[in-house]
Amino acid sequence: PKGPDGYIVSGRVYISSSRKGSLNVDALRDTFDAELSGDGPQILILHSHGSEAYTPAPGTSLVWWGDARTTDFRYSVVRVGDEMASVFEDAGISVLHDRTLYDYPDYSASYDRSLSAIESYLAQYPSIHFILDVHRDYIADSAGNPYKVVSEIDGLGTAAQLTLVMGSDGSGLSHPRWMENLKLAVAIQEQVLSDYPTLMRPMLLRKSRYNQHATTGSLLVEVGAAGNSPEEALLSARLFAGEMVEVLQARSK
């Protein structure tokens, strides 16, 4: 953004909100509730729209369905989740990665199905404090040609930009602690932007919950858009997960 008009601004973080009502900007800088604990899986990664895919190199043989969707994990957000999980594990943080396609073959009610899975995981592993629902965006011109969103990272190459999409109580459904998720999101985005100033697009605060009422450490992360290459998305996944590790480990000291 070139200026604050139309945004809620907290430090480096720009938030575009469709939720009605005021927002306590000062509270966004407070310490978030969720933190790492000692034992058991700490992070759950899953994909409510796991068939969302990227644009592979020309000539790649790939079966598509819908708008840039595939069941081939090599080119979808599921592979991005694998990359994030690897970064967390290398940092000594136990993670579960659910690679189930909750949107295939039936896209409708995918969030209902992923919520059932979340509730099952939390019942089995009460140690889970953080949930990442990893997606990708779809941006196209009037002719339907998909765009890519990019950030040039010195020494590393071209990364896909990321967007955090945060839920709230704006839909009328119960989500009493949505601000805790938002504080976590602001802390992570601030950390990412301190090292990679163009990697994050403005955060989106929405009326819907996106299943984020399940924990106070839930985030919906859009990694790039359909026009991005898988390689650009994987670089972003590594960078984002590494910055999230920094935030979580600092919180737990």
Protein backbone atom coordinates (compact mmCIF):
# COMPACT_ATOMS: atom_id res chain seq x y z
CA PRO A 1 0.00 0.00 0.00
CA LYS A 2 1.11 3.54 -0.77
CA GLY A 3 -0.70 4.91 2.27
CA PRO A 4 -3.04 4.08 5.15
CA ASP A 5 -6.32 5.03 3.43
CA GLY A 6 -8.74 2.10 3.57
CA TYR A 7 -6.57 0.09 5.93
CA ILE A 8 -6.16 -0.58 9.62
CA VAL A 9 -2.45 -0.09 10.28
CA SER A 10 -0.39 -1.65 13.06
CA GLY A 11 3.34 -1.08 12.64
CA ARG A 12 4.31 -2.49 9.24
CA VAL A 13 1.07 -4.46 8.99
CA TYR A 14 -1.78 -3.24 6.79
CA ILE A 15 -5.18 -4.86 7.40
CA SER A 16 -8.11 -4.67 5.00
CA SER A 17 -11.26 -5.35 7.02
CA SER A 18 -14.78 -6.27 5.90
CA ARG A 19 -15.90 -6.83 9.48
CA LYS A 20 -18.25 -4.20 10.85
CA GLY A 21 -17.40 -2.57 14.16
CA SER A 22 -14.35 -1.04 15.71
CA LEU A 23 -10.99 -2.72 16.21
CA ASN A 24 -8.67 -2.04 19.13
CA VAL A 25 -5.46 -1.42 17.20
CA ASP A 26 -3.37 -1.03 20.36
CA ALA A 27 -4.39 -4.53 21.48
CA LEU A 28 -2.92 -6.01 18.31
CA ARG A 29 0.55 -5.44 19.75
CA ASP A 30 -0.21 -7.39 22.94
CA THR A 31 1.22 -10.88 23.46
CA PHE A 32 -0.92 -13.51 21.76
CA ASP A 33 -2.39 -16.35 23.77
CA ALA A 34 -1.15 -19.51 22.01
CA GLU A 35 2.33 -20.83 22.74
CA LEU A 36 4.46 -23.90 22.25
CA SER A 37 4.40 -26.54 24.99
CA GLY A 38 6.77 -29.36 25.71
CA ASP A 39 5.22 -32.58 24.52
CA GLY A 40 3.21 -33.85 21.59
CA PRO A 41 2.39 -32.31 18.21
CA GLN A 42 2.26 -28.51 18.39
CA ILE A 43 1.20 -27.53 14.87
CA LEU A 44 -1.45 -28.97 12.55
CA ILE A 45 -1.20 -28.15 8.85
CA LEU A 46 -4.15 -28.97 6.63
CA HIS A 47 -5.88 -27.74 3.49
CA SER A 48 -9.60 -27.03 3.28
CA HIS A 49 -8.99 -26.54 -0.46
CA GLY A 50 -6.15 -28.98 -0.97
CA SER A 51 -6.55 -29.28 -4.75
CA GLU A 52 -5.63 -25.61 -5.30
CA ALA A 53 -2.61 -25.69 -7.61
CA TYR A 54 0.09 -23.60 -9.25
CA THR A 55 1.27 -23.15 -12.83
CA PRO A 56 3.98 -25.69 -13.67
CA ALA A 57 6.60 -25.32 -16.39
CA PRO A 58 5.28 -25.34 -19.99
CA GLY A 59 4.85 -28.84 -21.33
CA THR A 60 4.14 -30.40 -17.94
CA SER A 61 1.56 -33.15 -18.23
CA LEU A 62 -1.07 -32.46 -15.60
CA VAL A 63 -4.75 -33.28 -15.15
CA TRP A 64 -6.74 -30.20 -14.11
CA TRP A 65 -10.24 -29.80 -12.77
CA GLY A 66 -12.08 -26.54 -12.06
CA ASP A 67 -10.04 -23.34 -11.75
CA ALA A 68 -6.39 -24.40 -11.57
CA ARG A 69 -7.02 -27.40 -9.36
CA THR A 70 -5.43 -30.83 -9.41
CA THR A 71 -5.13 -33.96 -7.31
CA ASP A 72 -1.42 -34.13 -8.13
CA PHE A 73 0.29 -33.14 -4.88
CA ARG A 74 3.49 -32.12 -6.68
CA TYR A 75 1.79 -28.98 -7.98
CA SER A 76 -0.72 -28.16 -5.27
CA VAL A 77 -0.81 -26.50 -1.88
CA VAL A 78 -0.32 -29.92 -0.29
CA ARG A 79 3.32 -29.81 -1.46
CA VAL A 80 3.59 -26.34 0.08
CA GLY A 81 2.34 -27.80 3.36
CA ASP A 82 5.06 -30.46 3.14
CA GLU A 83 7.66 -27.72 2.82
CA MET A 84 6.35 -25.83 5.84
CA ALA A 85 6.22 -29.01 7.90
CA SER A 86 9.86 -29.72 7.07
CA VAL A 87 10.93 -26.27 8.30
CA PHE A 88 9.04 -26.69 11.57
CA GLU A 89 10.46 -30.16 12.13
CA ASP A 90 14.00 -28.96 11.45
CA ALA A 91 13.43 -26.36 14.19
CA GLY A 92 12.44 -29.10 16.63
CA ILE A 93 8.70 -28.34 16.56
CA SER A 94 6.46 -31.38 16.24
CA VAL A 95 3.95 -31.01 13.41
CA LEU A 96 1.14 -33.03 11.84
CA HIS A 97 0.39 -32.52 8.16
CA ASP A 98 -3.03 -33.69 6.99
CA ARG A 99 -2.79 -34.15 3.20
CA THR A 100 -6.48 -34.99 2.74
CA LEU A 101 -8.31 -33.24 -0.14
CA TYR A 102 -11.40 -31.88 1.58
CA ASP A 103 -12.52 -30.08 -1.58
CA TYR A 104 -12.35 -33.01 -4.02
CA PRO A 105 -14.42 -34.26 -5.72
CA ASP A 106 -17.05 -32.08 -4.01
CA TYR A 107 -15.99 -28.47 -3.39
CA SER A 108 -19.08 -27.53 -1.39
CA ALA A 109 -18.92 -27.99 2.39
CA SER A 110 -15.14 -28.40 2.28
CA TYR A 111 -14.79 -26.23 5.39
CA ASP A 112 -17.32 -28.41 7.20
CA ARG A 113 -15.28 -31.48 6.41
CA SER A 114 -11.99 -29.88 7.42
CA LEU A 115 -13.56 -28.67 10.68
CA SER A 116 -14.58 -32.24 11.52
CA ALA A 117 -10.97 -33.27 10.96
CA ILE A 118 -9.68 -30.41 13.12
CA GLU A 119 -11.97 -31.40 15.97
CA SER A 120 -10.82 -35.01 15.69
CA TYR A 121 -7.14 -34.00 15.75
CA LEU A 122 -7.64 -31.74 18.77
CA ALA A 123 -9.43 -34.51 20.64
CA GLN A 124 -6.60 -36.96 19.88
CA TYR A 125 -3.76 -34.46 20.33
CA PRO A 126 -4.67 -31.77 22.86
CA SER A 127 -1.07 -30.54 22.56
CA ILE A 128 -1.92 -28.88 19.23
CA HIS A 129 -1.92 -25.11 19.71
CA PHE A 130 -1.43 -23.85 16.16
CA ILE A 131 -3.38 -24.68 13.00
CA LEU A 132 -2.35 -23.56 9.51
CA ASP A 133 -4.97 -23.91 6.78
CA VAL A 134 -2.79 -23.46 3.69
CA HIS A 135 -4.36 -22.21 0.44
CA ARG A 136 -3.41 -20.23 -2.63
CA ASP A 137 -5.20 -17.24 -4.17
CA TYR A 138 -6.73 -16.98 -7.66
CA ILE A 139 -6.25 -13.65 -9.44
CA ALA A 140 -6.98 -13.27 -13.15
CA ASP A 141 -7.50 -10.62 -15.80
CA SER A 142 -10.76 -10.07 -17.68
CA ALA A 143 -9.83 -12.81 -20.14
CA GLY A 144 -9.26 -15.33 -17.36
CA ASN A 145 -5.48 -15.36 -17.56
CA PRO A 146 -4.09 -16.00 -14.06
CA TYR A 147 -1.71 -13.53 -12.45
CA LYS A 148 1.24 -14.32 -10.24
CA VAL A 149 2.15 -12.27 -7.17
CA VAL A 150 5.88 -12.08 -6.54
CA SER A 151 8.55 -10.78 -4.23
CA GLU A 152 12.21 -10.69 -5.24
CA ILE A 153 14.33 -12.02 -2.37
CA ASP A 154 18.01 -11.08 -2.51
CA GLY A 155 20.19 -14.12 -2.95
CA LEU A 156 17.26 -16.54 -3.06
CA GLY A 157 15.22 -15.69 -6.15
CA THR A 158 11.56 -15.03 -6.79
CA ALA A 159 9.06 -15.94 -4.08
CA ALA A 160 5.28 -15.93 -4.23
CA GLN A 161 3.71 -13.28 -2.03
CA LEU A 162 1.55 -14.49 0.86
CA THR A 163 -1.71 -13.28 2.38
CA LEU A 164 -3.07 -14.02 5.84
CA VAL A 165 -6.86 -14.28 5.83
CA MET A 166 -8.24 -13.91 9.33
CA GLY A 167 -11.71 -14.78 10.55
CA SER A 168 -13.86 -12.96 13.09
CA ASP A 169 -17.30 -12.97 14.70
CA GLY A 170 -18.77 -10.82 11.93
CA SER A 171 -20.98 -13.57 10.54
CA GLY A 172 -22.83 -13.96 13.84
CA LEU A 173 -21.32 -17.38 14.56
CA SER A 174 -19.56 -17.82 17.88
CA HIS A 175 -15.90 -16.83 17.74
CA PRO A 176 -15.29 -15.04 21.04
CA ARG A 177 -11.47 -15.11 20.93
CA TRP A 178 -10.87 -14.16 17.32
CA MET A 179 -8.63 -11.29 18.42
CA GLU A 180 -6.10 -13.83 19.76
CA ASN A 181 -5.72 -15.29 16.27
CA LEU A 182 -5.42 -11.80 14.85
CA LYS A 183 -2.70 -10.85 17.34
CA LEU A 184 -0.75 -13.93 16.31
CA ALA A 185 -1.19 -13.05 12.65
CA VAL A 186 0.00 -9.48 13.22
CA ALA A 187 3.06 -10.69 15.14
CA ILE A 188 4.05 -13.11 12.37
CA GLN A 189 3.42 -10.64 9.56
CA GLU A 190 5.45 -7.99 11.39
CA GLN A 191 8.31 -10.46 11.75
CA VAL A 192 8.17 -11.51 8.08
CA LEU A 193 8.13 -7.92 6.86
CA SER A 194 11.10 -7.00 9.03
CA ASP A 195 13.22 -9.46 7.01
CA TYR A 196 11.35 -9.56 3.68
CA PRO A 197 9.56 -6.20 3.19
CA THR A 198 7.57 -7.19 0.10
CA LEU A 199 6.76 -10.83 0.86
CA MET A 200 3.38 -10.22 2.56
CA ARG A 201 0.36 -8.66 0.93
CA PRO A 202 -2.09 -6.73 3.18
CA MET A 203 -3.82 -8.95 5.72
CA LEU A 204 -7.53 -9.61 5.19
CA LEU A 205 -9.92 -9.55 8.17
CA ARG A 206 -13.21 -11.16 7.23
CA LYS A 207 -16.65 -11.79 8.71
CA SER A 208 -16.46 -15.58 8.39
CA ARG A 209 -14.67 -17.82 10.89
CA TYR A 210 -12.78 -20.14 8.48
CA ASN A 211 -12.68 -22.70 11.32
CA GLN A 212 -10.35 -20.44 13.29
CA HIS A 213 -12.56 -20.66 16.36
CA ALA A 214 -11.05 -24.11 16.98
CA THR A 215 -7.89 -22.67 18.59
CA THR A 216 -6.38 -19.31 19.47
CA GLY A 217 -3.45 -20.13 17.19
CA SER A 218 -5.28 -20.59 13.88
CA LEU A 219 -4.26 -18.95 10.60
CA LEU A 220 -5.43 -19.20 7.01
CA VAL A 221 -2.39 -18.67 4.79
CA GLU A 222 -2.69 -18.03 1.06
CA VAL A 223 0.67 -18.83 -0.51
CA GLY A 224 0.83 -17.09 -3.87
CA ALA A 225 -1.77 -17.34 -6.59
CA ALA A 226 -2.61 -19.76 -9.37
CA GLY A 227 -0.23 -17.97 -11.74
CA ASN A 228 2.78 -18.57 -9.52
CA SER A 229 5.09 -21.49 -10.18
CA PRO A 230 5.36 -24.30 -7.64
CA GLU A 231 8.98 -23.26 -7.04
CA GLU A 232 7.96 -19.70 -6.13
CA ALA A 233 5.37 -21.05 -3.70
CA LEU A 234 7.85 -23.45 -2.09
CA LEU A 235 10.35 -20.66 -1.48
CA SER A 236 7.61 -18.62 0.19
CA ALA A 237 6.60 -21.58 2.31
CA ARG A 238 10.14 -21.97 3.62
CA LEU A 239 10.52 -18.27 4.36
CA PHE A 240 7.15 -17.94 6.07
CA ALA A 241 7.58 -21.04 8.20
CA GLY A 242 11.06 -19.92 9.23
CA GLU A 243 9.76 -16.54 10.36
CA MET A 244 6.87 -18.19 12.21
CA VAL A 245 9.39 -20.34 14.06
CA GLU A 246 11.15 -17.17 15.20
CA VAL A 247 7.90 -15.73 16.56
CA LEU A 248 6.78 -18.92 18.33
CA GLN A 249 10.13 -19.63 19.90
CA ALA A 250 10.42 -16.03 21.15
CA ARG A 251 6.92 -16.31 22.65
CA SER A 252 7.85 -19.49 24.49
CA LYS A 253 11.07 -18.23 26.09
